[in-house]
Amino acid sequence: MVRDRLPERLREVQDRVAEACARIGRDPAEIRIVAITKGHPATALTAAIDAGLRDVGENRVDEAVEKFSQAAAPLERHGVTRHMVGHLQRNKVGRAMTVFDWVQSVDSLRLARALSGRAGETGVALPILVEVNAGGEEQKHGFRPEEAVERAAEIAELPGLCLRGFMTMAPWTDDAGLLRATFRRGRAAFERLTGTAVGGDARIDTLSMGMSGDYPIAIEEGSTMLRLGTALFGSRREE
């Protein structure tokens, strides 16, 4: 069961995070872990909260609405931050805004404007990450690295949004060289962003990159936030 194995898996992740940080002289406290419970039941979500994780993420709005409703009490009691990490369709922006605290996958100006319109109604700036297609994959969403900073600066000016940085995904591969090259492009774009005078409510401090199969490399290449599912919860067949 996920609940039984999660503490052990979390310790393994924390050990690997510490080892990766030690290799390059970083502080493990700089690394924020978002537990991705896609495809797992609400019991996995509550297990993550019980294990001390305070950031959780989902890929789909409908799944998040159902799961977060079932786990509403512990989410609220522990002040858990809920992240949207999957592709967000504009027709689901309104519903997403009712359940997510962050949107990590802002991959177009049209989506950013839709979020801005809804966020303006709440009076609270929505933390967002702009998605960068650092691997140049046609099937992936996001801005090209060479245009990401300019687009992010435009998005930062939209009311109701608080730009926090970039998110990127590496290709599904065991090729460490390709993973590093992708993450380095993401980091280079992030460094250009941090060196740019960005307006609005922007607070640039987050580079979200690294998943279960590649997070030690992502840490070595500058990630500040990891999105981990299988590394914490195992495969969905284990339920």
Protein backbone atom coordinates (compact mmCIF):
# COMPACT_ATOMS: atom_id res chain seq x y z
CA MET A 1 0.00 0.00 0.00
CA VAL A 2 1.11 3.55 -0.76
CA ARG A 3 0.57 4.75 2.80
CA ASP A 4 2.80 2.00 4.19
CA ARG A 5 5.68 2.60 1.78
CA LEU A 6 5.56 6.39 1.47
CA PRO A 7 7.70 7.23 4.54
CA GLU A 8 10.48 4.96 3.27
CA ARG A 9 10.26 6.34 -0.25
CA LEU A 10 10.27 9.90 1.02
CA ARG A 11 13.44 9.21 3.03
CA GLU A 12 15.05 7.76 -0.09
CA VAL A 13 14.11 10.87 -2.06
CA GLN A 14 15.42 13.15 0.66
CA ASP A 15 18.69 11.19 0.76
CA ARG A 16 19.11 11.48 -3.02
CA VAL A 17 18.30 15.20 -2.87
CA ALA A 18 20.94 15.66 -0.18
CA GLU A 19 23.50 13.67 -2.19
CA ALA A 20 22.85 15.69 -5.35
CA CYS A 21 23.13 18.94 -3.40
CA ALA A 22 26.37 17.81 -1.76
CA ARG A 23 27.93 17.12 -5.15
CA ILE A 24 27.54 20.76 -6.17
CA GLY A 25 27.59 22.55 -2.82
CA ARG A 26 23.90 23.38 -2.55
CA ASP A 27 21.69 23.40 0.54
CA PRO A 28 18.93 20.74 0.38
CA ALA A 29 16.62 23.27 2.05
CA GLU A 30 16.61 25.14 -1.28
CA ILE A 31 14.72 22.28 -2.93
CA ARG A 32 10.93 22.23 -2.71
CA ILE A 33 9.17 18.91 -3.39
CA VAL A 34 5.72 18.83 -4.96
CA ALA A 35 4.03 15.45 -4.52
CA ILE A 36 2.20 14.59 -7.74
CA THR A 37 -0.75 12.29 -7.00
CA LYS A 38 -2.03 11.93 -10.57
CA GLY A 39 -3.85 8.64 -10.97
CA HIS A 40 -3.70 7.80 -7.26
CA PRO A 41 -6.67 7.97 -4.88
CA ALA A 42 -7.25 10.61 -2.23
CA THR A 43 -5.68 8.26 0.33
CA ALA A 44 -2.32 8.84 -1.37
CA LEU A 45 -2.85 12.58 -1.02
CA THR A 46 -3.64 12.31 2.69
CA ALA A 47 -0.64 9.99 3.15
CA ALA A 48 1.60 12.65 1.61
CA ILE A 49 0.22 15.25 3.97
CA ASP A 50 0.67 12.94 6.96
CA ALA A 51 4.29 12.36 5.87
CA GLY A 52 4.94 16.10 6.12
CA LEU A 53 4.73 17.14 2.46
CA ARG A 54 3.15 20.55 2.12
CA ASP A 55 3.03 20.91 -1.68
CA VAL A 56 0.85 18.64 -3.82
CA GLY A 57 0.13 18.68 -7.53
CA GLU A 58 -2.34 17.36 -10.06
CA ASN A 59 -2.33 17.23 -13.85
CA ARG A 60 -6.08 17.35 -14.47
CA VAL A 61 -8.65 19.76 -13.13
CA ASP A 62 -11.51 17.27 -12.80
CA GLU A 63 -9.39 14.78 -10.88
CA ALA A 64 -8.14 17.54 -8.61
CA VAL A 65 -11.65 18.80 -7.83
CA GLU A 66 -12.77 15.35 -6.72
CA LYS A 67 -9.61 14.45 -4.82
CA PHE A 68 -9.14 17.78 -3.07
CA SER A 69 -12.77 17.67 -1.97
CA GLN A 70 -12.23 14.28 -0.36
CA ALA A 71 -9.10 15.52 1.41
CA ALA A 72 -10.39 19.01 2.19
CA ALA A 73 -9.91 18.83 5.95
CA PRO A 74 -6.19 17.87 6.03
CA LEU A 75 -5.41 20.17 3.10
CA GLU A 76 -6.87 23.10 5.01
CA ARG A 77 -5.57 22.10 8.43
CA HIS A 78 -1.96 21.86 7.26
CA GLY A 79 -2.00 24.80 4.85
CA VAL A 80 -1.04 22.61 1.89
CA THR A 81 -0.27 24.41 -1.38
CA ARG A 82 -2.02 22.87 -4.40
CA HIS A 83 -0.25 23.08 -7.77
CA MET A 84 -1.66 22.67 -11.27
CA VAL A 85 1.16 21.05 -13.23
CA GLY A 86 -0.57 19.75 -16.36
CA HIS A 87 -1.76 21.45 -19.52
CA LEU A 88 -4.66 23.74 -18.63
CA GLN A 89 -7.39 24.38 -21.17
CA ARG A 90 -8.83 27.87 -21.13
CA ASN A 91 -12.38 26.58 -20.72
CA LYS A 92 -11.34 25.05 -17.38
CA VAL A 93 -9.63 28.12 -15.96
CA GLY A 94 -12.60 29.09 -13.79
CA ARG A 95 -12.84 25.68 -12.19
CA ALA A 96 -9.09 25.44 -11.78
CA MET A 97 -9.04 28.72 -9.91
CA THR A 98 -11.36 27.24 -7.26
CA VAL A 99 -8.99 24.42 -6.31
CA PHE A 100 -5.40 25.39 -7.17
CA ASP A 101 -3.09 27.85 -5.38
CA TRP A 102 -0.41 27.82 -8.11
CA VAL A 103 -0.50 27.21 -11.85
CA GLN A 104 2.86 25.90 -13.06
CA SER A 105 1.90 25.34 -16.69
CA VAL A 106 1.21 28.77 -18.20
CA ASP A 107 2.13 27.94 -21.78
CA SER A 108 0.54 30.76 -23.81
CA LEU A 109 -0.39 34.41 -23.60
CA ARG A 110 -4.04 33.48 -24.15
CA LEU A 111 -4.03 31.22 -21.10
CA ALA A 112 -2.25 33.88 -19.05
CA ARG A 113 -4.89 36.44 -20.00
CA ALA A 114 -7.68 34.03 -19.08
CA LEU A 115 -6.08 33.41 -15.68
CA SER A 116 -5.57 37.13 -15.19
CA GLY A 117 -9.23 37.82 -15.87
CA ARG A 118 -10.35 35.30 -13.29
CA ALA A 119 -7.67 36.18 -10.74
CA GLY A 120 -8.65 39.83 -10.94
CA GLU A 121 -12.06 38.89 -9.57
CA THR A 122 -10.52 37.38 -6.42
CA GLY A 123 -8.32 40.29 -5.42
CA VAL A 124 -5.43 37.89 -4.70
CA ALA A 125 -2.44 37.56 -7.04
CA LEU A 126 -2.17 34.00 -8.40
CA PRO A 127 1.38 32.55 -8.32
CA ILE A 128 2.28 31.18 -11.74
CA LEU A 129 5.19 29.64 -13.60
CA VAL A 130 5.68 30.11 -17.31
CA GLU A 131 6.29 26.83 -19.10
CA VAL A 132 9.43 26.60 -21.22
CA ASN A 133 9.81 23.90 -23.86
CA ALA A 134 13.52 23.52 -23.18
CA GLY A 135 13.71 20.21 -25.00
CA GLY A 136 12.25 21.58 -28.23
CA GLU A 137 9.77 18.71 -28.46
CA GLU A 138 6.83 19.28 -30.81
CA GLN A 139 4.42 17.37 -28.57
CA LYS A 140 5.26 19.48 -25.52
CA HIS A 141 3.63 22.77 -24.61
CA GLY A 142 5.43 25.95 -23.63
CA PHE A 143 7.51 28.77 -25.03
CA ARG A 144 10.82 28.29 -26.79
CA PRO A 145 13.78 29.19 -24.55
CA GLU A 146 14.77 32.09 -26.83
CA GLU A 147 11.36 33.75 -26.45
CA ALA A 148 10.48 32.72 -22.89
CA VAL A 149 11.90 35.74 -21.08
CA GLU A 150 10.16 38.27 -23.33
CA ARG A 151 6.84 36.44 -23.07
CA ALA A 152 7.22 36.04 -19.31
CA ALA A 153 7.82 39.78 -18.95
CA GLU A 154 4.58 40.43 -20.85
CA ILE A 155 2.68 37.96 -18.68
CA ALA A 156 4.08 39.50 -15.49
CA GLU A 157 2.38 42.78 -16.35
CA LEU A 158 -1.07 41.20 -16.38
CA PRO A 159 -3.14 42.07 -13.30
CA GLY A 160 -3.92 39.36 -10.80
CA LEU A 161 -0.83 37.26 -11.56
CA CYS A 162 2.39 36.84 -9.58
CA LEU A 163 5.11 35.46 -11.84
CA ARG A 164 7.44 33.26 -9.80
CA GLY A 165 9.64 31.79 -12.54
CA PHE A 166 9.78 28.97 -15.08
CA MET A 167 8.74 25.33 -15.33
CA THR A 168 10.18 22.87 -17.82
CA MET A 169 10.01 19.15 -18.61
CA ALA A 170 12.85 17.04 -19.97
CA PRO A 171 12.33 14.35 -22.62
CA TRP A 172 11.50 10.81 -21.49
CA THR A 173 14.98 9.35 -21.85
CA ASP A 174 17.80 7.66 -19.95
CA ASP A 175 20.35 9.76 -21.84
CA ALA A 176 21.94 11.81 -19.05
CA GLY A 177 23.64 14.09 -21.57
CA LEU A 178 20.34 14.99 -23.21
CA LEU A 179 18.71 15.55 -19.82
CA ARG A 180 21.52 17.87 -18.73
CA ALA A 181 21.39 19.82 -21.98
CA THR A 182 17.65 20.32 -21.59
CA PHE A 183 17.91 21.40 -17.97
CA ARG A 184 20.76 23.75 -18.77
CA ARG A 185 18.63 25.50 -21.38
CA GLY A 186 15.90 25.86 -18.78
CA ARG A 187 18.33 27.24 -16.23
CA ALA A 188 19.87 29.65 -18.75
CA ALA A 189 16.42 31.05 -19.52
CA PHE A 190 15.71 31.35 -15.80
CA GLU A 191 18.96 33.21 -15.21
CA ARG A 192 18.10 35.62 -18.01
CA LEU A 193 14.71 36.14 -16.36
CA THR A 194 16.25 36.86 -12.96
CA GLY A 195 18.48 39.45 -14.61
CA THR A 196 15.55 41.17 -16.30
CA ALA A 197 13.56 44.04 -14.81
CA VAL A 198 10.17 42.35 -14.63
CA GLY A 199 7.17 44.41 -13.58
CA GLY A 200 3.81 43.64 -12.06
CA ASP A 201 3.73 41.56 -8.89
CA ALA A 202 6.56 39.29 -10.05
CA ARG A 203 8.79 37.60 -7.48
CA ILE A 204 11.24 35.46 -9.42
CA ASP A 205 12.48 32.62 -7.22
CA THR A 206 11.38 29.30 -8.70
CA LEU A 207 12.76 26.99 -11.37
CA SER A 208 10.53 23.91 -11.46
CA MET A 209 12.28 21.07 -13.26
CA GLY A 210 12.96 17.47 -12.41
CA MET A 211 10.62 14.48 -12.10
CA SER A 212 10.94 10.98 -10.67
CA GLY A 213 13.34 9.69 -13.33
CA ASP A 214 15.70 12.66 -13.51
CA TYR A 215 15.47 14.81 -10.40
CA PRO A 216 19.09 14.38 -9.15
CA ILE A 217 20.35 15.72 -12.49
CA ALA A 218 17.80 18.55 -12.36
CA ILE A 219 19.09 19.56 -8.93
CA GLU A 220 22.67 19.57 -10.19
CA GLU A 221 21.57 21.83 -13.04
CA GLY A 222 19.82 24.38 -10.83
CA SER A 223 16.27 23.25 -10.09
CA THR A 224 14.59 24.70 -7.00
CA MET A 225 11.37 22.68 -7.26
CA LEU A 226 10.79 19.00 -8.06
CA ARG A 227 7.56 17.37 -9.25
CA LEU A 228 7.62 13.79 -7.97
CA GLY A 229 4.99 11.10 -8.42
CA THR A 230 6.34 7.58 -8.94
CA ALA A 231 9.37 8.19 -6.73
CA LEU A 232 7.00 8.79 -3.82
CA PHE A 233 3.92 6.74 -4.59
CA GLY A 234 5.14 3.96 -6.86
CA SER A 235 3.14 2.84 -9.84
CA ARG A 236 -0.64 3.02 -9.86
CA ARG A 237 -0.66 -0.78 -10.03
CA GLU A 238 0.42 -0.85 -6.40
CA GLU A 239 -2.91 0.50 -5.15
